[in-house]
């Protein structure tokens, strides 16, 4: 179930929900990597999509962390 996640939808999630989603996506990425190694992965682009989704979620978490450290001043 590879879904390109929308940034606006991810930003609505809490930090805990984002962390949970990152974990789920990484598990799915691992599964897809195993399928690729076995030669059963039908759409190799799924790997790139999942990696990018994880990066998006981590970026949002890091932005939030920086905002709390700096006191919300941009």
N, C-alpha and C. Protein backbone atom coordinates (compact mmCIF):
# COMPACT_ATOMS: atom_id res chain seq x y z
N UNK A 1 0.85 -1.18 0.00
CA UNK A 1 0.00 0.00 0.00
C UNK A 1 0.89 1.24 0.00
N UNK A 2 1.40 1.60 -1.12
CA UNK A 2 2.24 2.78 -1.23
C UNK A 2 1.36 3.97 -1.58
N UNK A 3 1.37 4.96 -0.70
CA UNK A 3 0.58 6.16 -0.92
C UNK A 3 1.50 7.36 -0.79
N UNK A 4 1.47 8.22 -1.78
CA UNK A 4 2.23 9.45 -1.71
C UNK A 4 1.50 10.37 -0.73
N UNK A 5 2.12 10.64 0.39
CA UNK A 5 1.47 11.40 1.43
C UNK A 5 1.54 12.89 1.16
N UNK A 6 0.46 13.58 1.43
CA UNK A 6 0.39 15.02 1.24
C UNK A 6 0.95 15.72 2.47
N UNK A 7 1.75 16.74 2.25
CA UNK A 7 2.34 17.50 3.34
C UNK A 7 1.27 18.09 4.24
N UNK A 8 0.22 18.66 3.66
CA UNK A 8 -0.81 19.31 4.46
C UNK A 8 -1.51 18.30 5.38
N UNK A 9 -1.66 17.06 4.92
CA UNK A 9 -2.26 16.03 5.76
C UNK A 9 -1.31 15.61 6.88
N UNK A 10 -0.03 15.54 6.57
CA UNK A 10 0.96 15.15 7.57
C UNK A 10 1.09 16.21 8.66
N UNK A 11 1.01 17.46 8.29
CA UNK A 11 1.15 18.55 9.26
C UNK A 11 0.01 18.57 10.27
N UNK A 12 -1.12 17.98 9.93
CA UNK A 12 -2.27 17.92 10.83
C UNK A 12 -2.08 16.87 11.93
N UNK A 13 -1.17 15.93 11.71
CA UNK A 13 -0.94 14.85 12.68
C UNK A 13 -0.12 15.34 13.86
N UNK A 14 -0.32 14.69 15.00
CA UNK A 14 0.48 15.02 16.18
C UNK A 14 1.86 14.37 16.04
N UNK A 15 2.78 14.74 16.93
CA UNK A 15 4.13 14.17 16.89
C UNK A 15 4.09 12.65 17.07
N UNK A 16 3.24 12.19 17.99
CA UNK A 16 3.14 10.76 18.25
C UNK A 16 2.60 10.01 17.03
N UNK A 17 1.60 10.60 16.38
CA UNK A 17 1.04 9.97 15.19
C UNK A 17 2.06 9.94 14.06
N UNK A 18 2.84 11.01 13.93
CA UNK A 18 3.89 11.04 12.91
C UNK A 18 4.94 9.97 13.17
N UNK A 19 5.35 9.84 14.43
CA UNK A 19 6.35 8.83 14.77
C UNK A 19 5.82 7.43 14.45
N UNK A 20 4.55 7.19 14.75
CA UNK A 20 3.94 5.89 14.46
C UNK A 20 3.90 5.65 12.96
N UNK A 21 3.56 6.69 12.20
CA UNK A 21 3.48 6.58 10.75
C UNK A 21 4.86 6.33 10.14
N UNK A 22 5.89 6.97 10.71
CA UNK A 22 7.26 6.74 10.24
C UNK A 22 7.63 5.27 10.44
N UNK A 23 7.30 4.75 11.61
CA UNK A 23 7.63 3.35 11.91
C UNK A 23 6.93 2.41 10.94
N UNK A 24 5.64 2.65 10.69
CA UNK A 24 4.88 1.81 9.76
C UNK A 24 5.46 1.88 8.35
N UNK A 25 5.82 3.08 7.93
CA UNK A 25 6.35 3.26 6.58
C UNK A 25 7.71 2.59 6.44
N UNK A 26 8.53 2.66 7.48
CA UNK A 26 9.84 1.99 7.43
C UNK A 26 9.67 0.48 7.37
N UNK A 27 8.68 -0.05 8.09
CA UNK A 27 8.42 -1.49 8.03
C UNK A 27 7.98 -1.90 6.62
N UNK A 28 7.14 -1.08 6.01
CA UNK A 28 6.70 -1.36 4.65
C UNK A 28 7.87 -1.27 3.68
N UNK A 29 8.75 -0.29 3.89
CA UNK A 29 9.94 -0.14 3.05
C UNK A 29 10.83 -1.38 3.15
N UNK A 30 10.98 -1.90 4.37
CA UNK A 30 11.78 -3.12 4.56
C UNK A 30 11.17 -4.28 3.78
N UNK A 31 9.85 -4.40 3.86
CA UNK A 31 9.17 -5.48 3.14
C UNK A 31 9.39 -5.35 1.64
N UNK A 32 9.30 -4.13 1.14
CA UNK A 32 9.50 -3.91 -0.30
C UNK A 32 10.94 -4.20 -0.71
N UNK A 33 11.88 -3.87 0.17
CA UNK A 33 13.30 -4.17 -0.14
C UNK A 33 13.52 -5.68 -0.23
N UNK A 34 12.86 -6.43 0.66
CA UNK A 34 12.98 -7.89 0.61
C UNK A 34 12.36 -8.43 -0.68
N UNK A 35 11.24 -7.85 -1.09
CA UNK A 35 10.61 -8.27 -2.34
C UNK A 35 11.53 -7.97 -3.53
N UNK A 36 12.20 -6.83 -3.47
CA UNK A 36 13.12 -6.48 -4.55
C UNK A 36 14.29 -7.47 -4.60
N UNK A 37 14.79 -7.85 -3.44
CA UNK A 37 15.90 -8.80 -3.39
C UNK A 37 15.48 -10.16 -3.93
N UNK A 38 14.22 -10.52 -3.71
CA UNK A 38 13.72 -11.80 -4.20
C UNK A 38 13.28 -11.74 -5.65
N UNK A 39 13.19 -10.54 -6.17
CA UNK A 39 12.77 -10.38 -7.55
C UNK A 39 11.27 -10.37 -7.73
N UNK A 40 10.51 -10.16 -6.66
CA UNK A 40 9.06 -10.18 -6.75
C UNK A 40 8.42 -8.80 -6.66
N UNK A 41 9.22 -7.75 -6.57
CA UNK A 41 8.69 -6.39 -6.49
C UNK A 41 8.24 -5.95 -7.87
N UNK A 42 6.94 -5.64 -8.00
CA UNK A 42 6.39 -5.29 -9.30
C UNK A 42 6.71 -3.85 -9.70
N UNK A 43 6.69 -2.93 -8.73
CA UNK A 43 6.91 -1.52 -9.05
C UNK A 43 8.08 -0.98 -8.22
N UNK A 44 9.27 -0.96 -8.78
CA UNK A 44 10.44 -0.47 -8.04
C UNK A 44 10.32 0.98 -7.58
N UNK A 45 9.48 1.77 -8.23
CA UNK A 45 9.31 3.16 -7.84
C UNK A 45 8.72 3.27 -6.43
N UNK A 46 8.13 2.20 -5.93
CA UNK A 46 7.57 2.19 -4.58
C UNK A 46 8.64 2.45 -3.53
N UNK A 47 9.84 1.96 -3.77
CA UNK A 47 10.93 2.18 -2.82
C UNK A 47 11.24 3.67 -2.68
N UNK A 48 11.35 4.35 -3.79
CA UNK A 48 11.64 5.78 -3.78
C UNK A 48 10.51 6.55 -3.10
N UNK A 49 9.28 6.19 -3.40
CA UNK A 49 8.12 6.86 -2.81
C UNK A 49 8.11 6.71 -1.30
N UNK A 50 8.37 5.52 -0.81
CA UNK A 50 8.39 5.28 0.63
C UNK A 50 9.52 6.05 1.31
N UNK A 51 10.71 6.05 0.69
CA UNK A 51 11.83 6.80 1.27
C UNK A 51 11.51 8.28 1.36
N UNK A 52 10.89 8.80 0.34
CA UNK A 52 10.53 10.22 0.34
C UNK A 52 9.46 10.54 1.38
N UNK A 53 8.52 9.62 1.56
CA UNK A 53 7.49 9.82 2.59
C UNK A 53 8.11 9.87 3.98
N UNK A 54 9.06 8.98 4.24
CA UNK A 54 9.75 8.98 5.54
C UNK A 54 10.51 10.30 5.72
N UNK A 55 11.17 10.75 4.68
CA UNK A 55 11.92 12.01 4.75
C UNK A 55 10.98 13.18 5.03
N UNK A 56 9.82 13.20 4.39
CA UNK A 56 8.86 14.27 4.62
C UNK A 56 8.43 14.30 6.09
N UNK A 57 8.11 13.14 6.62
CA UNK A 57 7.64 13.06 8.01
C UNK A 57 8.74 13.49 8.98
N UNK A 58 9.97 13.05 8.73
CA UNK A 58 11.08 13.44 9.60
C UNK A 58 11.33 14.94 9.53
N UNK A 59 11.18 15.52 8.34
CA UNK A 59 11.36 16.95 8.19
C UNK A 59 10.34 17.72 9.01
N UNK A 60 9.11 17.28 8.99
CA UNK A 60 8.06 17.94 9.78
C UNK A 60 8.38 17.86 11.26
N UNK A 61 8.81 16.69 11.73
CA UNK A 61 9.16 16.54 13.14
C UNK A 61 10.31 17.46 13.52
N UNK A 62 11.33 17.55 12.65
CA UNK A 62 12.47 18.42 12.94
C UNK A 62 12.08 19.89 12.94
N UNK A 63 11.19 20.28 12.05
CA UNK A 63 10.71 21.66 12.04
C UNK A 63 10.00 22.00 13.34
N UNK A 64 9.18 21.08 13.81
CA UNK A 64 8.46 21.30 15.06
C UNK A 64 9.42 21.39 16.24
N UNK A 65 10.44 20.55 16.22
CA UNK A 65 11.42 20.57 17.31
C UNK A 65 12.15 21.91 17.35
N UNK A 66 12.53 22.41 16.17
CA UNK A 66 13.23 23.69 16.10
C UNK A 66 12.34 24.84 16.56
N UNK A 67 11.05 24.77 16.25
CA UNK A 67 10.13 25.81 16.68
C UNK A 67 10.01 25.86 18.20
N UNK A 68 9.97 24.70 18.85
CA UNK A 68 9.84 24.69 20.30
C UNK A 68 11.13 25.15 20.97
N UNK A 69 12.27 24.84 20.38
CA UNK A 69 13.55 25.25 20.95
C UNK A 69 13.72 26.76 20.84
N UNK A 70 13.34 27.32 19.69
CA UNK A 70 13.51 28.75 19.49
C UNK A 70 12.36 29.57 20.05
N UNK A 71 11.37 28.90 20.61
CA UNK A 71 10.25 29.62 21.19
C UNK A 71 9.23 30.07 20.18
N UNK A 72 9.23 29.46 19.00
CA UNK A 72 8.25 29.78 17.99
C UNK A 72 8.58 31.01 17.17
N UNK A 73 9.74 31.60 17.37
CA UNK A 73 10.12 32.80 16.62
C UNK A 73 10.80 32.37 15.33
N UNK A 74 10.35 32.96 14.24
CA UNK A 74 10.95 32.60 12.95
C UNK A 74 11.78 33.74 12.44
